[in-house]
Amino acid sequence: MNKPLILAAAIACGLVAHANATTFAYISSPGDGLISQYRLDESNGALSLVEQVTAGDQVNPMALSPDGKTLFAALRVKPFQVQAFSIDPASGHLTPTSKAPLADSMAYLATDRAGRYLLAASYGADLLSVQPVDKAEPILTYKTGLHAHSLRTDPSNRFAYAGNLGTDHVLQYRFDANTGALTPIGTGFVSVPANTGPRHLAFSANGQYLYVVGEMSGTVTAFAIDHNTGALAQVGVANGIPARLKLAHGEVRDARNNDLKDDPTPRIWAADLRLSPDGKLLLMSERTSSSVSAFALDTATGGLRFLDNYPVQEKQPRNIAFSPNGRWLLVTGEKSDTVGAYAVSANGALKRVGEAASGKGALWIEVLHTQAK
């Protein structure tokens, strides 16, 4: 790495005390290279654009440090890099601090639970990477099967899991919090049915279960996590695509098939998966129908059941995010001029309550709640 990513940001943020408790949302838009900062009023769901900062060409996945002081943003053009921003705790303003190389073009970015390592998954290069944020050390890379699409550590920070879309595998690793190294658990994966397309991940509030969305099936699969070994065991699956959407089964999208551009068939194209703060709801975005599906979770068994599917105004919604109080859902659309705010009912029903202008091709959302001091 060129230099540590986090030190300058931590120093800058440490100089400013929190003025008020405020919720900010940061949304990347690769079409114009911007990160847009929004203020969310958690009393009524009102969303307002504060400012936009230039991040760089094709800025896409982002990750917040666990302490909320740093935002990392991946740039998906050569030379592939990650830009770090310090976050002013009072205003939420982003200040660029340092850049470092990435192993390749990354479709997913996260930190481990301690904030010491940056985790990434490359869809095109079929690999996962782990790199420290506070010291200049080599990037650890791990080849996967076709199209790695996510990488996250569990709440205990002892295990790591990845969605491997092209192989229909959910990869499972032991995570070394001292070195960042990933070691396969057992065979290194569990399988899901063919053409499921494991994509994004969510953990239950108690850390005992893992949920994985299938991009091509529109299903969510639930796995129990063995407390001692980290091995996954399937405990449930639910289909989030009702027949009324009239969607055919999805297919892998990449350069081999022209990204399905010549296929007129409306196909399942699920994207993001988010757990509500109270741990009772799971929401999934679906791009072809521009909708969000809701699932109820059984917190005791890890099982889930489909509740309903709700249309959203944002066209081709890629990422979604809950507000910290769980009352509101933010939705971006790759083909939308706005980002929407929706009230979320106890059964997952959505009602649009506000909007704000978005950047071009808005994608990734990170939400930060600053606490008053």
Protein backbone atom coordinates (compact mmCIF):
# COMPACT_ATOMS: atom_id res chain seq x y z
CA MET A 1 0.00 0.00 0.00
CA ASN A 2 1.14 3.57 -0.59
CA LYS A 3 0.57 4.58 3.02
CA PRO A 4 -1.74 3.76 5.90
CA LEU A 5 -5.36 4.62 5.11
CA ILE A 6 -6.70 5.41 8.53
CA LEU A 7 -4.16 7.38 10.56
CA ALA A 8 -4.72 10.79 9.00
CA ALA A 9 -8.47 10.36 9.19
CA ALA A 10 -8.40 9.34 12.83
CA ILE A 11 -6.27 12.32 13.79
CA ALA A 12 -8.49 14.78 11.91
CA CYS A 13 -11.68 13.45 13.48
CA GLY A 14 -10.22 13.37 16.95
CA LEU A 15 -9.90 17.15 16.95
CA VAL A 16 -13.65 17.83 16.72
CA ALA A 17 -16.25 17.04 19.37
CA HIS A 18 -19.77 15.95 18.46
CA ALA A 19 -22.20 18.85 18.47
CA ASN A 20 -25.53 17.07 17.93
CA ALA A 21 -26.87 13.60 17.26
CA THR A 22 -27.46 13.49 13.52
CA THR A 23 -27.96 10.81 10.89
CA PHE A 24 -26.05 11.13 7.62
CA ALA A 25 -26.20 8.98 4.50
CA TYR A 26 -23.41 8.75 1.95
CA ILE A 27 -24.24 7.54 -1.55
CA SER A 28 -21.73 6.86 -4.33
CA SER A 29 -22.53 7.47 -7.99
CA PRO A 30 -20.00 6.01 -10.44
CA GLY A 31 -21.53 7.86 -13.40
CA ASP A 32 -20.20 11.22 -12.15
CA GLY A 33 -17.56 10.11 -9.63
CA LEU A 34 -19.34 11.75 -6.69
CA ILE A 35 -20.21 10.82 -3.12
CA SER A 36 -23.36 12.65 -2.06
CA GLN A 37 -23.90 13.43 1.62
CA TYR A 38 -27.49 13.56 2.90
CA ARG A 39 -29.06 14.44 6.24
CA LEU A 40 -31.89 12.14 7.35
CA ASP A 41 -34.41 13.39 9.86
CA GLU A 42 -35.24 10.27 11.84
CA SER A 43 -38.39 11.84 13.26
CA ASN A 44 -40.16 12.09 9.90
CA GLY A 45 -37.93 10.50 7.24
CA ALA A 46 -37.14 13.80 5.51
CA LEU A 47 -34.03 13.52 3.35
CA SER A 48 -31.94 16.52 2.28
CA LEU A 49 -28.79 16.80 0.20
CA VAL A 50 -25.98 18.47 2.16
CA GLU A 51 -23.09 18.41 -0.33
CA GLN A 52 -21.32 16.35 -2.95
CA VAL A 53 -17.61 15.60 -3.02
CA THR A 54 -15.54 14.29 -5.89
CA ALA A 55 -14.26 10.81 -5.12
CA GLY A 56 -12.95 9.69 -8.51
CA ASP A 57 -13.92 7.88 -11.68
CA GLN A 58 -16.32 4.95 -11.20
CA VAL A 59 -16.54 5.26 -7.44
CA ASN A 60 -18.69 2.37 -6.31
CA PRO A 61 -18.58 0.23 -3.14
CA MET A 62 -17.91 1.98 0.16
CA ALA A 63 -17.37 1.01 3.79
CA LEU A 64 -17.55 2.90 7.07
CA SER A 65 -15.01 2.20 9.80
CA PRO A 66 -16.68 0.78 12.93
CA ASP A 67 -15.91 3.99 14.87
CA GLY A 68 -17.61 6.11 12.20
CA LYS A 69 -14.55 8.28 11.66
CA THR A 70 -13.53 7.09 8.20
CA LEU A 71 -15.27 6.32 4.92
CA PHE A 72 -13.52 4.12 2.37
CA ALA A 73 -14.53 4.25 -1.30
CA ALA A 74 -13.31 1.95 -4.07
CA LEU A 75 -12.56 3.30 -7.56
CA ARG A 76 -13.24 0.77 -10.32
CA VAL A 77 -10.91 2.13 -13.01
CA LYS A 78 -7.19 1.52 -13.40
CA PRO A 79 -5.15 2.04 -11.32
CA PHE A 80 -7.62 0.41 -8.94
CA GLN A 81 -7.50 2.33 -5.66
CA VAL A 82 -9.36 2.98 -2.44
CA GLN A 83 -9.87 6.57 -1.30
CA ALA A 84 -10.15 7.24 2.43
CA PHE A 85 -12.13 10.21 3.78
CA SER A 86 -12.18 11.55 7.32
CA ILE A 87 -15.69 12.34 8.60
CA ASP A 88 -16.32 15.49 10.59
CA PRO A 89 -18.45 14.24 13.51
CA ALA A 90 -20.46 17.46 13.74
CA SER A 91 -21.17 18.24 10.09
CA GLY A 92 -20.57 14.85 8.46
CA HIS A 93 -18.31 16.59 5.93
CA LEU A 94 -15.91 14.31 4.05
CA THR A 95 -12.25 15.28 3.70
CA PRO A 96 -10.04 13.10 1.47
CA THR A 97 -7.00 11.87 3.37
CA SER A 98 -5.09 9.14 1.57
CA LYS A 99 -5.27 6.61 -1.25
CA ALA A 100 -3.99 3.07 -1.49
CA PRO A 101 -3.97 0.44 -4.23
CA LEU A 102 -6.56 -2.31 -4.44
CA ALA A 103 -5.89 -5.80 -5.76
CA ASP A 104 -8.31 -5.32 -8.66
CA SER A 105 -11.67 -3.76 -9.58
CA MET A 106 -13.79 -4.35 -6.48
CA ALA A 107 -17.57 -4.87 -6.44
CA TYR A 108 -17.78 -5.05 -2.63
CA LEU A 109 -16.05 -3.35 0.27
CA ALA A 110 -16.26 -3.83 4.05
CA THR A 111 -14.10 -3.65 7.15
CA ASP A 112 -13.62 -6.33 9.73
CA ARG A 113 -15.41 -5.74 13.04
CA ALA A 114 -12.36 -4.16 14.67
CA GLY A 115 -11.75 -1.78 11.76
CA ARG A 116 -8.17 -2.98 11.27
CA TYR A 117 -8.63 -4.57 7.84
CA LEU A 118 -10.33 -3.63 4.60
CA LEU A 119 -12.10 -6.56 2.94
CA ALA A 120 -13.04 -6.63 -0.73
CA ALA A 121 -14.46 -8.90 -3.43
CA SER A 122 -13.76 -8.66 -7.16
CA TYR A 123 -16.52 -9.88 -9.48
CA GLY A 124 -14.38 -9.68 -12.63
CA ALA A 125 -11.11 -11.01 -11.23
CA ASP A 126 -12.71 -13.81 -9.17
CA LEU A 127 -10.86 -13.00 -5.97
CA LEU A 128 -11.12 -11.75 -2.40
CA SER A 129 -8.64 -9.42 -0.75
CA VAL A 130 -7.69 -8.35 2.76
CA GLN A 131 -5.43 -5.39 3.53
CA PRO A 132 -4.55 -3.49 6.73
CA VAL A 133 -5.70 0.10 7.02
CA ASP A 134 -3.18 1.28 9.60
CA LYS A 135 0.11 0.04 8.19
CA ALA A 136 1.75 -0.50 4.82
CA GLU A 137 1.75 -4.25 4.28
CA PRO A 138 1.13 -6.42 1.20
CA ILE A 139 -2.47 -7.13 0.17
CA LEU A 140 -3.57 -10.69 0.86
CA THR A 141 -5.50 -12.16 -2.09
CA TYR A 142 -7.52 -15.36 -2.41
CA LYS A 143 -8.71 -16.76 -5.72
CA THR A 144 -12.33 -17.90 -5.80
CA GLY A 145 -14.59 -19.49 -8.33
CA LEU A 146 -16.33 -17.34 -10.94
CA HIS A 147 -17.60 -13.95 -9.71
CA ALA A 148 -16.88 -13.31 -6.04
CA HIS A 149 -19.49 -10.78 -4.91
CA SER A 150 -19.13 -10.06 -1.18
CA LEU A 151 -16.92 -10.60 1.86
CA ARG A 152 -17.78 -9.92 5.51
CA THR A 153 -16.67 -11.08 8.94
CA ASP A 154 -19.27 -12.30 11.41
CA PRO A 155 -20.10 -10.26 14.55
CA SER A 156 -17.54 -12.23 16.58
CA ASN A 157 -14.83 -11.32 14.02
CA ARG A 158 -13.63 -14.93 14.05
CA PHE A 159 -15.11 -16.05 10.74
CA ALA A 160 -15.55 -14.60 7.26
CA TYR A 161 -18.05 -15.45 4.52
CA ALA A 162 -18.30 -14.60 0.83
CA GLY A 163 -20.97 -14.89 -1.83
CA ASN A 164 -19.54 -16.60 -4.93
CA LEU A 165 -22.18 -15.94 -7.56
CA GLY A 166 -20.87 -17.93 -10.52
CA THR A 167 -20.23 -21.16 -8.62
CA ASP A 168 -23.34 -21.18 -6.41
CA HIS A 169 -21.11 -21.41 -3.35
CA VAL A 170 -21.07 -19.52 -0.08
CA LEU A 171 -17.42 -19.46 0.93
CA GLN A 172 -16.52 -19.97 4.60
CA TYR A 173 -13.25 -19.02 6.30
CA ARG A 174 -11.65 -18.64 9.68
CA PHE A 175 -10.47 -15.03 10.04
CA ASP A 176 -7.24 -14.19 11.86
CA ALA A 177 -7.86 -10.78 13.42
CA ASN A 178 -4.11 -10.32 14.02
CA THR A 179 -2.91 -10.93 10.46
CA GLY A 180 -6.06 -10.67 8.32
CA ALA A 181 -5.45 -14.15 6.93
CA LEU A 182 -8.36 -16.28 5.72
CA THR A 183 -8.25 -20.07 6.24
CA PRO A 184 -10.90 -22.29 4.62
CA ILE A 185 -13.33 -24.00 6.96
CA GLY A 186 -13.77 -27.63 5.92
CA THR A 187 -14.07 -27.78 2.14
CA GLY A 188 -14.14 -23.98 2.13
CA PHE A 189 -17.74 -23.63 1.00
CA VAL A 190 -21.34 -24.74 1.20
CA SER A 191 -23.44 -25.12 -1.94
CA VAL A 192 -26.84 -23.73 -2.90
CA PRO A 193 -29.00 -24.90 -5.82
CA ALA A 194 -27.68 -24.31 -9.34
CA ASN A 195 -28.29 -20.82 -10.74
CA THR A 196 -29.03 -19.29 -7.35
CA GLY A 197 -26.16 -16.79 -7.63
CA PRO A 198 -25.12 -16.01 -4.01
CA ARG A 199 -24.55 -12.25 -3.82
CA HIS A 200 -24.84 -10.10 -0.66
CA LEU A 201 -24.86 -11.19 2.98
CA ALA A 202 -26.54 -10.23 6.26
CA PHE A 203 -26.02 -11.55 9.79
CA SER A 204 -28.71 -12.01 12.41
CA ALA A 205 -28.60 -9.62 15.35
CA ASN A 206 -27.27 -12.35 17.66
CA GLY A 207 -24.62 -13.45 15.17
CA GLN A 208 -25.88 -17.03 15.05
CA TYR A 209 -27.26 -16.96 11.50
CA LEU A 210 -26.16 -15.85 8.07
CA TYR A 211 -28.55 -14.83 5.27
CA VAL A 212 -27.55 -14.85 1.60
CA VAL A 213 -29.51 -13.39 -1.31
CA GLY A 214 -29.56 -15.22 -4.63
CA GLU A 215 -29.21 -12.74 -7.49
CA MET A 216 -30.65 -15.10 -10.09
CA SER A 217 -33.24 -16.91 -7.95
CA GLY A 218 -34.58 -14.06 -5.83
CA THR A 219 -34.40 -16.35 -2.82
CA VAL A 220 -32.83 -15.76 0.58
CA THR A 221 -31.09 -18.73 2.18
CA ALA A 222 -30.56 -18.92 5.94
CA PHE A 223 -27.57 -20.69 7.48
CA ALA A 224 -26.75 -21.48 11.09
CA ILE A 225 -23.16 -20.63 12.06
CA ASP A 226 -21.41 -23.23 14.21
CA HIS A 227 -20.17 -21.26 17.22
CA ASN A 228 -16.95 -23.26 17.51
CA THR A 229 -15.93 -23.93 13.91
CA GLY A 230 -17.76 -21.30 11.87
CA ALA A 231 -19.14 -23.99 9.55
CA LEU A 232 -22.46 -23.19 7.89
CA ALA A 233 -25.55 -25.39 7.89
CA GLN A 234 -28.67 -24.44 5.96
CA VAL A 235 -31.75 -23.92 8.12
CA GLY A 236 -34.19 -22.30 5.73
CA VAL A 237 -34.91 -20.66 2.39
CA ALA A 238 -37.65 -18.34 1.16
CA ASN A 239 -38.58 -17.08 -2.28
CA GLY A 240 -38.93 -13.30 -2.51
CA ILE A 241 -40.34 -13.11 -6.07
CA PRO A 242 -44.14 -13.40 -6.23
CA ALA A 243 -45.70 -14.76 -9.42
CA ARG A 244 -47.38 -11.41 -10.16
CA LEU A 245 -43.97 -9.91 -11.06
CA LYS A 246 -43.82 -12.29 -14.05
CA LEU A 247 -40.04 -12.66 -13.92
CA ALA A 248 -38.14 -15.54 -15.46
CA HIS A 249 -35.20 -17.09 -13.65
CA GLY A 250 -32.10 -14.95 -13.80
CA GLU A 251 -28.80 -15.66 -15.51
CA VAL A 252 -25.18 -14.76 -14.82
CA ARG A 253 -24.40 -11.33 -16.26
CA ASP A 254 -20.91 -10.68 -17.56
CA ALA A 255 -18.91 -10.05 -20.74
CA ARG A 256 -19.45 -13.63 -21.92
CA ASN A 257 -23.14 -12.99 -22.62
CA ASN A 258 -23.03 -9.25 -23.30
CA ASP A 259 -24.54 -8.67 -19.86
CA LEU A 260 -27.88 -10.01 -21.21
CA LYS A 261 -28.27 -6.85 -23.29
CA ASP A 262 -29.72 -8.83 -26.21
CA ASP A 263 -32.16 -10.77 -24.02
CA PRO A 264 -35.63 -9.12 -23.90
CA THR A 265 -36.93 -11.52 -21.23
CA PRO A 266 -37.65 -9.84 -17.86
CA ARG A 267 -35.46 -11.83 -15.47
CA ILE A 268 -34.89 -11.94 -11.73
CA TRP A 269 -32.00 -9.64 -10.80
CA ALA A 270 -31.90 -9.40 -7.01
CA ALA A 271 -29.26 -7.19 -5.45
CA ASP A 272 -29.00 -6.04 -1.84
CA LEU A 273 -30.00 -7.57 1.49
CA ARG A 274 -30.45 -5.58 4.71
CA LEU A 275 -31.45 -6.53 8.26
CA SER A 276 -33.62 -4.17 10.31
CA PRO A 277 -32.02 -2.78 13.49
CA ASP A 278 -34.42 -4.78 15.67
CA GLY A 279 -33.43 -7.98 13.85
CA LYS A 280 -36.99 -8.91 12.88
CA LEU A 281 -37.13 -7.92 9.21
CA LEU A 282 -34.97 -8.66 6.20
CA LEU A 283 -35.39 -6.58 3.02
CA MET A 284 -34.16 -7.50 -0.47
CA SER A 285 -33.97 -5.24 -3.53
CA GLU A 286 -34.91 -6.52 -7.00
CA ARG A 287 -33.75 -4.47 -9.98
CA THR A 288 -35.82 -5.68 -12.95
CA SER A 289 -39.17 -4.99 -11.24
CA SER A 290 -37.85 -1.99 -9.24
CA SER A 291 -39.16 -3.43 -6.00
CA VAL A 292 -38.24 -4.50 -2.48
CA SER A 293 -39.25 -7.80 -0.87
CA ALA A 294 -39.75 -8.23 2.87
CA PHE A 295 -39.10 -11.32 4.99
CA ALA A 296 -39.94 -12.01 8.63
CA LEU A 297 -37.20 -13.64 10.71
CA ASP A 298 -37.59 -16.18 13.47
CA THR A 299 -34.95 -14.98 15.90
CA ALA A 300 -34.96 -18.30 17.77
CA THR A 301 -34.45 -20.68 14.84
CA GLY A 302 -33.00 -18.39 12.15
CA GLY A 303 -35.81 -19.34 9.79
CA LEU A 304 -37.51 -16.82 7.55
CA ARG A 305 -40.76 -16.42 5.61
CA PHE A 306 -41.73 -14.17 2.73
CA LEU A 307 -44.13 -11.37 3.65
CA ASP A 308 -44.70 -9.36 0.47
CA ASN A 309 -43.10 -7.38 -2.33
CA TYR A 310 -43.42 -3.61 -2.67
CA PRO A 311 -42.71 -1.39 -5.70
CA VAL A 312 -40.35 1.56 -5.30
CA GLN A 313 -40.09 4.64 -7.50
CA GLU A 314 -36.33 4.40 -7.92
CA LYS A 315 -35.70 2.52 -11.16
CA GLN A 316 -33.35 -0.46 -10.95
CA PRO A 317 -32.69 -0.26 -7.18
CA ARG A 318 -29.24 -1.57 -6.36
CA ASN A 319 -28.62 -0.74 -2.72
CA ILE A 320 -30.95 -0.13 0.21
CA ALA A 321 -30.24 0.87 3.82
CA PHE A 322 -32.20 1.17 7.07
CA SER A 323 -32.02 4.25 9.25
CA PRO A 324 -30.53 3.50 12.69
CA ASN A 325 -33.99 3.66 14.34
CA GLY A 326 -35.39 1.21 11.78
CA ARG A 327 -38.32 3.42 10.79
CA TRP A 328 -36.99 4.44 7.37
CA LEU A 329 -35.46 2.77 4.33
CA LEU A 330 -33.26 4.58 1.83
CA VAL A 331 -33.36 3.36 -1.77
CA THR A 332 -31.08 4.24 -4.68
CA GLY A 333 -31.79 3.51 -8.33
CA GLU A 334 -29.10 3.04 -10.97
CA LYS A 335 -31.48 4.65 -13.47
CA SER A 336 -33.10 7.18 -11.14
CA ASP A 337 -32.51 10.89 -10.61
CA THR A 338 -33.49 10.66 -6.95
CA VAL A 339 -32.82 8.71 -3.80
CA GLY A 340 -36.02 7.85 -1.94
CA ALA A 341 -36.92 7.59 1.74
CA TYR A 342 -39.63 5.10 2.72
CA ALA A 343 -41.46 4.50 5.98
CA VAL A 344 -41.16 0.84 7.00
CA SER A 345 -44.08 -0.79 8.83
CA ALA A 346 -43.78 -3.71 11.23
CA ASN A 347 -44.70 -6.13 8.43
CA GLY A 348 -42.19 -4.62 6.00
CA ALA A 349 -44.67 -2.55 3.98
CA LEU A 350 -43.11 0.55 2.42
CA LYS A 351 -44.56 4.05 1.99
CA ARG A 352 -42.55 6.72 0.24
CA VAL A 353 -42.18 9.83 2.40
CA GLY A 354 -39.44 11.84 0.72
CA GLU A 355 -36.74 12.13 -1.86
CA ALA A 356 -33.62 14.07 -2.75
CA ALA A 357 -31.60 14.50 -5.94
CA SER A 358 -29.00 11.80 -6.48
CA GLY A 359 -25.79 11.55 -8.43
CA LYS A 360 -25.59 9.78 -11.77
CA GLY A 361 -26.14 6.03 -11.44
CA ALA A 362 -26.41 6.10 -7.64
CA LEU A 363 -25.41 2.80 -6.08
CA TRP A 364 -23.84 2.22 -2.68
CA ILE A 365 -25.31 3.57 0.60
CA GLU A 366 -23.59 3.94 3.96
CA VAL A 367 -25.53 5.38 6.92
CA LEU A 368 -23.87 7.01 9.95
CA HIS A 369 -25.53 8.16 13.17
CA THR A 370 -23.38 10.58 15.15
CA GLN A 371 -23.92 10.77 18.89
CA ALA A 372 -23.92 14.04 20.80
CA LYS A 373 -21.26 14.51 23.47
